[in-house]
Amino acid sequence: MDLPGVDEGRLFDTHAHPPTSEFLHDAGGEMMRDAADRFGTDLETRGVEEMVAEYRDCGVGRAVLLGWDAETNTGNPPVPNDFVAEARDEYPDFFVGFGSVDPHKDDCVREAVRCVEDLDLSGFKFQQIAQGFDPAADRHNHLWNAIEDLSVPVVFHGGTSTLGAGSPGGRGLRIKYGDPMLIDEVAARHPDLQILVAHPAFPWEKQQLAVCQQKGNVYMDLSGWLPRYIDDQVLHYAGSLLSEKVMFGTDYPMVRPEEWLDSFAADTDFHEEAQRKVLFENAEEFFGFA
């Protein structure tokens, strides 16, 4: 990585999953194996200690560790929110812990409150395709109201998903729930809810750029794709008009930090100020470390 003027040690990955069996095998199940087979990624598990060491070797000083609960739609067990909190407690200067609640479960609001008030987690991750829900549906307003009252941000999935890729019927997963225009509806109804949309939202990149530009409470990250494969218009906006709204993310362990950062250095031409904003300053502001 060759990024003059960028402070190594402050790099901030906004999108990371635990490389452990809890996520890759238990929660991921067959749909995760489909994704790995389709894109040539191994599902070898590693410990959290190895994960942190890998990040620090690349100059990354913080990462958002995401929980996962898509049990109702997939039948797979969640990554427990207590697991995320324990990892955060073990590495409090490195991890920002985000819980996950299944919107189909009757206790989703109660679990959201527990995540923040008891576990001291910093926000929530939703993967609408895996969880099988439309975030703009009225029946989920009570959950967004509760999270808004808790004053913590949420991460929504944007765009298609590699989960179930190539399998008959895609394991029944519906990519329509990754349309960022559904998130636009949530943002309009809940203006105090801070929203980070994960990934460049293929094939809805332009819609996502429009939402981020129009909604002051919506941001996006560049996770899930190496920069060399990200749409040129997304990179143009990230380095100019939306430079204060876009953040670095990997989607670890599917995308590794060294590979992402090497591609960012080689395949983008952001000026130094925009590099700093994307790689850590925007995340520090959004997650309360500024």
C-alpha atoms as a PDB file:
ATOM      1  CA  MET A   1       0.000   0.000   0.000  1.00  0.00           C
ATOM      2  CA  ASP A   2       1.413   3.375  -1.026  1.00  0.00           C
ATOM      3  CA  LEU A   3      -0.786   6.222   0.223  1.00  0.00           C
ATOM      4  CA  PRO A   4       1.367   9.249   1.098  1.00  0.00           C
ATOM      5  CA  GLY A   5      -0.177  11.502   3.713  1.00  0.00           C
ATOM      6  CA  VAL A   6      -2.493   8.800   5.095  1.00  0.00           C
ATOM      7  CA  ASP A   7      -2.026   8.002   8.780  1.00  0.00           C
ATOM      8  CA  GLU A   8      -1.518   4.272   9.147  1.00  0.00           C
ATOM      9  CA  GLY A   9      -3.016   3.091  12.392  1.00  0.00           C
ATOM     10  CA  ARG A  10      -6.078   5.325  11.872  1.00  0.00           C
ATOM     11  CA  LEU A  11      -7.484   3.337   8.935  1.00  0.00           C
ATOM     12  CA  PHE A  12     -11.054   2.331   9.820  1.00  0.00           C
ATOM     13  CA  ASP A  13     -12.840  -0.669   8.263  1.00  0.00           C
ATOM     14  CA  THR A  14     -16.580  -0.158   8.585  1.00  0.00           C
ATOM     15  CA  HIS A  15     -17.622  -3.686   7.569  1.00  0.00           C
ATOM     16  CA  ALA A  16     -16.093  -6.851   9.020  1.00  0.00           C
ATOM     17  CA  HIS A  17     -17.475 -10.248  10.009  1.00  0.00           C
ATOM     18  CA  PRO A  18     -15.822 -12.696  12.393  1.00  0.00           C
ATOM     19  CA  PRO A  19     -13.758 -15.296  10.467  1.00  0.00           C
ATOM     20  CA  THR A  20     -14.963 -17.976  12.863  1.00  0.00           C
ATOM     21  CA  SER A  21     -17.295 -20.936  12.537  1.00  0.00           C
ATOM     22  CA  GLU A  22     -20.084 -18.920  14.180  1.00  0.00           C
ATOM     23  CA  PHE A  23     -20.343 -16.802  11.018  1.00  0.00           C
ATOM     24  CA  LEU A  24     -18.801 -18.790   8.157  1.00  0.00           C
ATOM     25  CA  HIS A  25     -20.359 -22.171   8.900  1.00  0.00           C
ATOM     26  CA  ASP A  26     -23.188 -21.898  11.437  1.00  0.00           C
ATOM     27  CA  ALA A  27     -24.885 -18.677  10.331  1.00  0.00           C
ATOM     28  CA  GLY A  28     -23.712 -18.896   6.716  1.00  0.00           C
ATOM     29  CA  GLY A  29     -24.585 -22.527   6.036  1.00  0.00           C
ATOM     30  CA  GLU A  30     -25.170 -23.610   2.432  1.00  0.00           C
ATOM     31  CA  MET A  31     -25.699 -20.077   1.145  1.00  0.00           C
ATOM     32  CA  MET A  32     -22.217 -19.083   2.334  1.00  0.00           C
ATOM     33  CA  ARG A  33     -20.698 -22.161   0.710  1.00  0.00           C
ATOM     34  CA  ASP A  34     -22.449 -21.198  -2.533  1.00  0.00           C
ATOM     35  CA  ALA A  35     -20.842 -17.781  -2.369  1.00  0.00           C
ATOM     36  CA  ALA A  36     -17.414 -19.236  -1.674  1.00  0.00           C
ATOM     37  CA  ASP A  37     -17.687 -21.759  -4.515  1.00  0.00           C
ATOM     38  CA  ARG A  38     -18.908 -19.139  -6.987  1.00  0.00           C
ATOM     39  CA  PHE A  39     -16.155 -16.658  -6.274  1.00  0.00           C
ATOM     40  CA  GLY A  40     -13.255 -18.907  -5.315  1.00  0.00           C
ATOM     41  CA  THR A  41     -13.062 -17.906  -1.658  1.00  0.00           C
ATOM     42  CA  ASP A  42     -12.105 -20.412   1.008  1.00  0.00           C
ATOM     43  CA  LEU A  43     -14.121 -20.788   4.206  1.00  0.00           C
ATOM     44  CA  GLU A  44     -11.160 -21.634   6.411  1.00  0.00           C
ATOM     45  CA  THR A  45     -11.855 -20.348   9.889  1.00  0.00           C
ATOM     46  CA  ARG A  46      -9.469 -18.239  11.940  1.00  0.00           C
ATOM     47  CA  GLY A  47      -9.527 -16.874  15.441  1.00  0.00           C
ATOM     48  CA  VAL A  48     -10.356 -13.296  16.350  1.00  0.00           C
ATOM     49  CA  GLU A  49      -6.762 -12.836  17.538  1.00  0.00           C
ATOM     50  CA  GLU A  50      -5.469 -13.710  14.050  1.00  0.00           C
ATOM     51  CA  MET A  51      -7.985 -11.326  12.517  1.00  0.00           C
ATOM     52  CA  VAL A  52      -6.827  -8.399  14.652  1.00  0.00           C
ATOM     53  CA  ALA A  53      -3.167  -9.156  13.920  1.00  0.00           C
ATOM     54  CA  GLU A  54      -3.858  -9.212  10.168  1.00  0.00           C
ATOM     55  CA  TYR A  55      -5.555  -5.835  10.320  1.00  0.00           C
ATOM     56  CA  ARG A  56      -2.860  -4.215  12.413  1.00  0.00           C
ATOM     57  CA  ASP A  57      -0.187  -5.459  10.019  1.00  0.00           C
ATOM     58  CA  CYS A  58      -1.991  -3.434   7.317  1.00  0.00           C
ATOM     59  CA  GLY A  59      -2.174  -0.257   9.378  1.00  0.00           C
ATOM     60  CA  VAL A  60      -5.875  -0.603  10.192  1.00  0.00           C
ATOM     61  CA  GLY A  61      -6.602   0.690  13.678  1.00  0.00           C
ATOM     62  CA  ARG A  62     -10.335   0.012  13.995  1.00  0.00           C
ATOM     63  CA  ALA A  63     -12.981  -2.267  12.501  1.00  0.00           C
ATOM     64  CA  VAL A  64     -16.733  -2.585  12.928  1.00  0.00           C
ATOM     65  CA  LEU A  65     -17.470  -6.196  13.886  1.00  0.00           C
ATOM     66  CA  LEU A  66     -20.953  -7.186  12.758  1.00  0.00           C
ATOM     67  CA  GLY A  67     -23.426  -9.565  14.303  1.00  0.00           C
ATOM     68  CA  TRP A  68     -25.801 -11.665  12.199  1.00  0.00           C
ATOM     69  CA  ASP A  69     -29.302 -13.008  12.779  1.00  0.00           C
ATOM     70  CA  ALA A  70     -31.219 -14.320   9.753  1.00  0.00           C
ATOM     71  CA  GLU A  71     -32.618 -17.324  11.572  1.00  0.00           C
ATOM     72  CA  THR A  72     -36.284 -16.996  10.588  1.00  0.00           C
ATOM     73  CA  ASN A  73     -35.623 -16.752   6.854  1.00  0.00           C
ATOM     74  CA  THR A  74     -32.704 -19.190   6.573  1.00  0.00           C
ATOM     75  CA  GLY A  75     -33.120 -21.577   9.497  1.00  0.00           C
ATOM     76  CA  ASN A  76     -29.466 -21.010  10.397  1.00  0.00           C
ATOM     77  CA  PRO A  77     -28.434 -19.991  13.928  1.00  0.00           C
ATOM     78  CA  PRO A  78     -27.316 -16.396  14.491  1.00  0.00           C
ATOM     79  CA  VAL A  79     -23.918 -15.043  15.379  1.00  0.00           C
ATOM     80  CA  PRO A  80     -24.825 -14.254  18.989  1.00  0.00           C
ATOM     81  CA  ASN A  81     -24.722 -10.617  20.005  1.00  0.00           C
ATOM     82  CA  ASP A  82     -22.938 -11.719  23.167  1.00  0.00           C
ATOM     83  CA  PHE A  83     -20.165 -13.155  20.959  1.00  0.00           C
ATOM     84  CA  VAL A  84     -19.695  -9.757  19.310  1.00  0.00           C
ATOM     85  CA  ALA A  85     -19.670  -8.012  22.689  1.00  0.00           C
ATOM     86  CA  GLU A  86     -17.073 -10.451  24.051  1.00  0.00           C
ATOM     87  CA  ALA A  87     -14.781  -9.873  21.052  1.00  0.00           C
ATOM     88  CA  ARG A  88     -15.182  -6.114  21.501  1.00  0.00           C
ATOM     89  CA  ASP A  89     -14.368  -6.414  25.204  1.00  0.00           C
ATOM     90  CA  GLU A  90     -11.235  -8.416  24.386  1.00  0.00           C
ATOM     91  CA  TYR A  91     -10.046  -5.767  21.911  1.00  0.00           C
ATOM     92  CA  PRO A  92     -11.799  -2.555  23.035  1.00  0.00           C
ATOM     93  CA  ASP A  93      -9.371  -0.268  21.220  1.00  0.00           C
ATOM     94  CA  PHE A  94      -9.872  -2.094  17.931  1.00  0.00           C
ATOM     95  CA  PHE A  95     -13.452  -3.362  17.550  1.00  0.00           C
ATOM     96  CA  VAL A  96     -16.658  -1.371  17.324  1.00  0.00           C
ATOM     97  CA  GLY A  97     -19.369  -3.935  18.074  1.00  0.00           C
ATOM     98  CA  PHE A  98     -22.625  -3.985  16.086  1.00  0.00           C
ATOM     99  CA  GLY A  99     -25.434  -6.318  17.039  1.00  0.00           C
ATOM    100  CA  SER A 100     -28.013  -7.922  14.790  1.00  0.00           C
ATOM    101  CA  VAL A 101     -31.700  -8.588  15.387  1.00  0.00           C
ATOM    102  CA  ASP A 102     -34.056 -10.614  13.234  1.00  0.00           C
ATOM    103  CA  PRO A 103     -36.962  -8.301  12.287  1.00  0.00           C
ATOM    104  CA  HIS A 104     -39.305 -11.310  12.036  1.00  0.00           C
ATOM    105  CA  LYS A 105     -38.839 -12.265  15.695  1.00  0.00           C
ATOM    106  CA  ASP A 106     -41.347 -11.089  18.281  1.00  0.00           C
ATOM    107  CA  ASP A 107     -38.552 -10.066  20.644  1.00  0.00           C
ATOM    108  CA  CYS A 108     -36.560  -8.006  18.112  1.00  0.00           C
ATOM    109  CA  VAL A 109     -37.139  -4.695  19.916  1.00  0.00           C
ATOM    110  CA  ARG A 110     -36.365  -6.182  23.315  1.00  0.00           C
ATOM    111  CA  GLU A 111     -33.146  -7.684  21.945  1.00  0.00           C
ATOM    112  CA  ALA A 112     -32.202  -4.365  20.348  1.00  0.00           C
ATOM    113  CA  VAL A 113     -32.584  -2.630  23.688  1.00  0.00           C
ATOM    114  CA  ARG A 114     -30.525  -5.350  25.413  1.00  0.00           C
ATOM    115  CA  CYS A 115     -27.765  -4.956  22.815  1.00  0.00           C
ATOM    116  CA  VAL A 116     -27.337  -1.287  23.614  1.00  0.00           C
ATOM    117  CA  GLU A 117     -28.246  -1.037  27.296  1.00  0.00           C
ATOM    118  CA  ASP A 118     -26.749  -4.327  28.557  1.00  0.00           C
ATOM    119  CA  LEU A 119     -24.064  -5.263  26.025  1.00  0.00           C
ATOM    120  CA  ASP A 120     -23.039  -1.676  25.166  1.00  0.00           C
ATOM    121  CA  LEU A 121     -23.015  -2.426  21.437  1.00  0.00           C
ATOM    122  CA  SER A 122     -22.744   0.587  19.164  1.00  0.00           C
ATOM    123  CA  GLY A 123     -25.372  -0.110  16.475  1.00  0.00           C
ATOM    124  CA  PHE A 124     -27.041  -2.760  14.329  1.00  0.00           C
ATOM    125  CA  LYS A 125     -26.417  -4.634  11.084  1.00  0.00           C
ATOM    126  CA  PHE A 126     -29.261  -5.730   8.783  1.00  0.00           C
ATOM    127  CA  GLN A 127     -28.872  -7.960   5.712  1.00  0.00           C
ATOM    128  CA  GLN A 128     -32.303  -7.680   4.153  1.00  0.00           C
ATOM    129  CA  ILE A 129     -31.714 -10.351   1.479  1.00  0.00           C
ATOM    130  CA  ALA A 130     -30.580 -13.022   3.943  1.00  0.00           C
ATOM    131  CA  GLN A 131     -33.159 -11.898   6.508  1.00  0.00           C
ATOM    132  CA  GLY A 132     -35.905 -11.832   3.868  1.00  0.00           C
ATOM    133  CA  PHE A 133     -37.587  -8.526   4.641  1.00  0.00           C
ATOM    134  CA  ASP A 134     -38.502  -5.194   3.113  1.00  0.00           C
ATOM    135  CA  PRO A 135     -37.130  -2.489   5.431  1.00  0.00           C
ATOM    136  CA  ALA A 136     -39.705   0.017   4.147  1.00  0.00           C
ATOM    137  CA  ALA A 137     -42.697  -2.146   5.167  1.00  0.00           C
ATOM    138  CA  ASP A 138     -44.852  -0.490   7.820  1.00  0.00           C
ATOM    139  CA  ARG A 139     -44.672  -3.500  10.123  1.00  0.00           C
ATOM    140  CA  HIS A 140     -40.987  -2.762  10.823  1.00  0.00           C
ATOM    141  CA  ASN A 141     -41.496   0.868  11.847  1.00  0.00           C
ATOM    142  CA  HIS A 142     -41.610  -0.091  15.530  1.00  0.00           C
ATOM    143  CA  LEU A 143     -38.080  -1.478  15.248  1.00  0.00           C
ATOM    144  CA  TRP A 144     -36.723   1.629  13.522  1.00  0.00           C
ATOM    145  CA  ASN A 145     -38.492   3.802  16.102  1.00  0.00           C
ATOM    146  CA  ALA A 146     -36.834   1.846  18.904  1.00  0.00           C
ATOM    147  CA  ILE A 147     -33.367   2.091  17.362  1.00  0.00           C
ATOM    148  CA  GLU A 148     -33.913   5.783  16.684  1.00  0.00           C
ATOM    149  CA  ASP A 149     -34.746   6.205  20.397  1.00  0.00           C
ATOM    150  CA  LEU A 150     -31.562   4.316  21.318  1.00  0.00           C
ATOM    151  CA  SER A 151     -29.568   6.901  19.297  1.00  0.00           C
ATOM    152  CA  VAL A 152     -27.316   4.369  17.561  1.00  0.00           C
ATOM    153  CA  PRO A 153     -26.690   3.912  13.815  1.00  0.00           C
ATOM    154  CA  VAL A 154     -27.646   1.023  11.557  1.00  0.00           C
ATOM    155  CA  VAL A 155     -25.933  -0.697   8.649  1.00  0.00           C
ATOM    156  CA  PHE A 156     -28.213  -1.865   5.845  1.00  0.00           C
ATOM    157  CA  HIS A 157     -27.134  -4.105   2.972  1.00  0.00           C
ATOM    158  CA  GLY A 158     -27.102  -2.442  -0.461  1.00  0.00           C
ATOM    159  CA  GLY A 159     -27.277  -4.226  -3.813  1.00  0.00           C
ATOM    160  CA  THR A 160     -27.239  -7.874  -4.756  1.00  0.00           C
ATOM    161  CA  SER A 161     -25.716 -10.593  -2.599  1.00  0.00           C
ATOM    162  CA  THR A 162     -23.255 -13.387  -3.289  1.00  0.00           C
ATOM    163  CA  LEU A 163     -25.089 -15.569  -0.762  1.00  0.00           C
ATOM    164  CA  GLY A 164     -26.718 -18.482  -2.580  1.00  0.00           C
ATOM    165  CA  ALA A 165     -25.052 -17.475  -5.854  1.00  0.00           C
ATOM    166  CA  GLY A 166     -25.325 -20.123  -8.569  1.00  0.00           C
ATOM    167  CA  SER A 167     -27.664 -22.398  -6.621  1.00  0.00           C
ATOM    168  CA  PRO A 168     -31.138 -23.252  -7.986  1.00  0.00           C
ATOM    169  CA  GLY A 169     -33.375 -20.331  -7.103  1.00  0.00           C
ATOM    170  CA  GLY A 170     -30.533 -18.734  -5.182  1.00  0.00           C
ATOM    171  CA  ARG A 171     -31.673 -20.671  -2.074  1.00  0.00           C
ATOM    172  CA  GLY A 172     -34.886 -18.663  -2.230  1.00  0.00           C
ATOM    173  CA  LEU A 173     -33.131 -15.380  -1.393  1.00  0.00           C
ATOM    174  CA  ARG A 174     -34.602 -12.300  -3.076  1.00  0.00           C
ATOM    175  CA  ILE A 175     -32.201  -9.594  -4.168  1.00  0.00           C
ATOM    176  CA  LYS A 176     -35.006  -7.016  -4.486  1.00  0.00           C
ATOM    177  CA  TYR A 177     -34.651  -6.359  -0.760  1.00  0.00           C
ATOM    178  CA  GLY A 178     -31.195  -4.886  -1.455  1.00  0.00           C
ATOM    179  CA  ASP A 179     -32.624  -2.016  -3.509  1.00  0.00           C
ATOM    180  CA  PRO A 180     -31.406   1.224  -1.859  1.00  0.00           C
ATOM    181  CA  MET A 181     -34.699   2.934  -2.715  1.00  0.00           C
ATOM    182  CA  LEU A 182     -36.246   0.892   0.115  1.00  0.00           C
ATOM    183  CA  ILE A 183     -33.665   2.413   2.458  1.00  0.00           C
ATOM    184  CA  ASP A 184     -34.569   5.854   1.114  1.00  0.00           C
ATOM    185  CA  GLU A 185     -38.080   5.301   2.456  1.00  0.00           C
ATOM    186  CA  VAL A 186     -36.743   4.383   5.918  1.00  0.00           C
ATOM    187  CA  ALA A 187     -34.455   7.425   5.925  1.00  0.00           C
ATOM    188  CA  ALA A 188     -37.335   9.744   5.020  1.00  0.00           C
ATOM    189  CA  ARG A 189     -39.581   8.413   7.795  1.00  0.00           C
ATOM    190  CA  HIS A 190     -36.819   8.337  10.415  1.00  0.00           C
ATOM    191  CA  PRO A 191     -34.625  11.419   9.916  1.00  0.00           C
ATOM    192  CA  ASP A 192     -32.806  10.919  13.225  1.00  0.00           C
ATOM    193  CA  LEU A 193     -31.736   7.384  12.265  1.00  0.00           C
ATOM    194  CA  GLN A 194     -28.133   7.414  11.034  1.00  0.00           C
ATOM    195  CA  ILE A 195     -27.825   4.889   8.188  1.00  0.00           C
ATOM    196  CA  LEU A 196     -24.738   3.386   6.568  1.00  0.00           C
ATOM    197  CA  VAL A 197     -25.479   1.422   3.389  1.00  0.00           C
ATOM    198  CA  ALA A 198     -22.961  -1.364   2.902  1.00  0.00           C
ATOM    199  CA  HIS A 199     -21.443  -1.999  -0.545  1.00  0.00           C
ATOM    200  CA  PRO A 200     -21.635  -0.019  -3.811  1.00  0.00           C
ATOM    201  CA  ALA A 201     -25.176  -1.431  -4.384  1.00  0.00           C
ATOM    202  CA  PHE A 202     -24.707  -3.175  -7.736  1.00  0.00           C
ATOM    203  CA  PRO A 203     -26.856  -3.038  -9.887  1.00  0.00           C
ATOM    204  CA  TRP A 204     -28.399   0.052  -8.253  1.00  0.00           C
ATOM    205  CA  GLU A 205     -25.261   2.182  -7.910  1.00  0.00           C
ATOM    206  CA  LYS A 206     -26.833   5.365  -9.279  1.00  0.00           C
ATOM    207  CA  GLN A 207     -29.881   5.061  -7.060  1.00  0.00           C
ATOM    208  CA  GLN A 208     -27.656   4.687  -4.017  1.00  0.00           C
ATOM    209  CA  LEU A 209     -25.593   7.729  -4.970  1.00  0.00           C
ATOM    210  CA  ALA A 210     -28.829   9.694  -5.329  1.00  0.00           C
ATOM    211  CA  VAL A 211     -30.060   8.589  -1.887  1.00  0.00           C
ATOM    212  CA  CYS A 212     -26.740   9.475  -0.223  1.00  0.00           C
ATOM    213  CA  GLN A 213     -26.761  12.863  -1.907  1.00  0.00           C
ATOM    214  CA  GLN A 214     -30.365  13.676  -1.001  1.00  0.00           C
ATOM    215  CA  LYS A 215     -30.655  12.208   2.510  1.00  0.00           C
ATOM    216  CA  GLY A 216     -28.397  13.815   5.084  1.00  0.00           C
ATOM    217  CA  ASN A 217     -28.692  10.783   7.359  1.00  0.00           C
ATOM    218  CA  VAL A 218     -27.552   8.216   4.747  1.00  0.00           C
ATOM    219  CA  TYR A 219     -23.930   7.236   4.063  1.00  0.00           C
ATOM    220  CA  MET A 220     -22.317   4.355   2.187  1.00  0.00           C
ATOM    221  CA  ASP A 221     -19.217   2.189   2.269  1.00  0.00           C
ATOM    222  CA  LEU A 222     -17.167   0.514  -0.450  1.00  0.00           C
ATOM    223  CA  SER A 223     -17.086  -2.962   1.085  1.00  0.00           C
ATOM    224  CA  GLY A 224     -17.557  -6.237  -0.754  1.00  0.00           C
ATOM    225  CA  TRP A 225     -15.698  -5.108  -3.876  1.00  0.00           C
ATOM    226  CA  LEU A 226     -12.061  -4.433  -4.610  1.00  0.00           C
ATOM    227  CA  PRO A 227     -11.794  -0.825  -5.809  1.00  0.00           C
ATOM    228  CA  ARG A 228     -10.681  -1.974  -9.262  1.00  0.00           C
ATOM    229  CA  TYR A 229     -14.121  -3.498  -9.800  1.00  0.00           C
ATOM    230  CA  ILE A 230     -16.210  -0.634  -8.400  1.00  0.00           C
ATOM    231  CA  ASP A 231     -18.241   1.397 -10.894  1.00  0.00           C
ATOM    232  CA  ASP A 232     -16.345   4.474 -12.134  1.00  0.00           C
ATOM    233  CA  GLN A 233     -19.209   6.822 -11.242  1.00  0.00           C
ATOM    234  CA  VAL A 234     -19.210   5.570  -7.649  1.00  0.00           C
ATOM    235  CA  LEU A 235     -15.484   6.257  -7.351  1.00  0.00           C
ATOM    236  CA  HIS A 236     -15.894   9.677  -8.990  1.00  0.00           C
ATOM    237  CA  TYR A 237     -18.585  10.680  -6.474  1.00  0.00           C
ATOM    238  CA  ALA A 238     -16.619   9.165  -3.570  1.00  0.00           C
ATOM    239  CA  GLY A 239     -13.641  11.325  -4.455  1.00  0.00           C
ATOM    240  CA  SER A 240     -15.602  14.512  -5.053  1.00  0.00           C
ATOM    241  CA  LEU A 241     -19.262  15.375  -4.378  1.00  0.00           C
ATOM    242  CA  LEU A 242     -19.800  12.622  -1.767  1.00  0.00           C
ATOM    243  CA  SER A 243     -16.301  12.526  -0.290  1.00  0.00           C
ATOM    244  CA  GLU A 244     -17.781  13.209   3.171  1.00  0.00           C
ATOM    245  CA  LYS A 245     -20.374  10.411   2.836  1.00  0.00           C
ATOM    246  CA  VAL A 246     -18.287   7.400   1.698  1.00  0.00           C
ATOM    247  CA  MET A 247     -16.209   5.051   3.850  1.00  0.00           C
ATOM    248  CA  PHE A 248     -13.684   2.242   3.538  1.00  0.00           C
ATOM    249  CA  GLY A 249     -14.966  -1.276   4.199  1.00  0.00           C
ATOM    250  CA  THR A 250     -13.810  -4.753   3.254  1.00  0.00           C
ATOM    251  CA  ASP A 251     -16.506  -7.367   4.033  1.00  0.00           C
ATOM    252  CA  TYR A 252     -13.853  -9.387   5.860  1.00  0.00           C
ATOM    253  CA  PRO A 253     -13.089 -12.275   5.628  1.00  0.00           C
ATOM    254  CA  MET A 254     -14.454 -12.437   2.060  1.00  0.00           C
ATOM    255  CA  VAL A 255     -12.285  -9.454   1.127  1.00  0.00           C
ATOM    256  CA  ARG A 256      -9.014  -9.045   3.030  1.00  0.00           C
ATOM    257  CA  PRO A 257      -7.717  -5.625   4.118  1.00  0.00           C
ATOM    258  CA  GLU A 258      -4.307  -5.785   2.453  1.00  0.00           C
ATOM    259  CA  GLU A 259      -5.825  -6.709  -0.912  1.00  0.00           C
ATOM    260  CA  TRP A 260      -8.456  -3.949  -0.689  1.00  0.00           C
ATOM    261  CA  LEU A 261      -5.972  -1.261   0.322  1.00  0.00           C
ATOM    262  CA  ASP A 262      -3.487  -2.281  -2.365  1.00  0.00           C
ATOM    263  CA  SER A 263      -6.231  -1.970  -4.978  1.00  0.00           C
ATOM    264  CA  PHE A 264      -7.323   1.399  -3.564  1.00  0.00           C
ATOM    265  CA  ALA A 265      -3.759   2.697  -3.864  1.00  0.00           C
ATOM    266  CA  ALA A 266      -3.223   1.298  -7.371  1.00  0.00           C
ATOM    267  CA  ASP A 267      -6.650   1.691  -8.979  1.00  0.00           C
ATOM    268  CA  THR A 268      -7.980   5.037  -7.714  1.00  0.00           C
ATOM    269  CA  ASP A 269      -6.670   8.582  -8.028  1.00  0.00           C
ATOM    270  CA  PHE A 270      -8.283  10.299  -5.056  1.00  0.00           C
ATOM    271  CA  HIS A 271      -6.531  13.446  -3.859  1.00  0.00           C
ATOM    272  CA  GLU A 272      -4.999  13.260  -0.391  1.00  0.00           C
ATOM    273  CA  GLU A 273      -7.894  14.958   1.426  1.00  0.00           C
ATOM    274  CA  ALA A 274     -10.465  12.583  -0.109  1.00  0.00           C
ATOM    275  CA  GLN A 275      -8.284   9.570   0.738  1.00  0.00           C
ATOM    276  CA  ARG A 276      -8.209  10.605   4.383  1.00  0.00           C
ATOM    277  CA  LYS A 277     -11.961  11.139   4.456  1.00  0.00           C
ATOM    278  CA  VAL A 278     -12.766   7.768   2.882  1.00  0.00           C
ATOM    279  CA  LEU A 279     -10.174   5.743   4.763  1.00  0.00           C
ATOM    280  CA  PHE A 280     -10.810   7.003   8.302  1.00  0.00           C
ATOM    281  CA  GLU A 281     -12.077  10.537   8.870  1.00  0.00           C
ATOM    282  CA  ASN A 282     -15.678   9.927   7.792  1.00  0.00           C
ATOM    283  CA  ALA A 283     -15.867   6.744   9.857  1.00  0.00           C
ATOM    284  CA  GLU A 284     -14.403   8.468  12.911  1.00  0.00           C
ATOM    285  CA  GLU A 285     -17.123  11.107  12.614  1.00  0.00           C
ATOM    286  CA  PHE A 286     -19.971   8.645  11.931  1.00  0.00           C
ATOM    287  CA  PHE A 287     -19.062   6.229  14.748  1.00  0.00           C
ATOM    288  CA  GLY A 288     -18.249   8.929  17.291  1.00  0.00           C
ATOM    289  CA  PHE A 289     -14.444   8.852  17.395  1.00  0.00           C
ATOM    290  CA  ALA A 290     -13.785  12.284  15.887  1.00  0.00           C
END
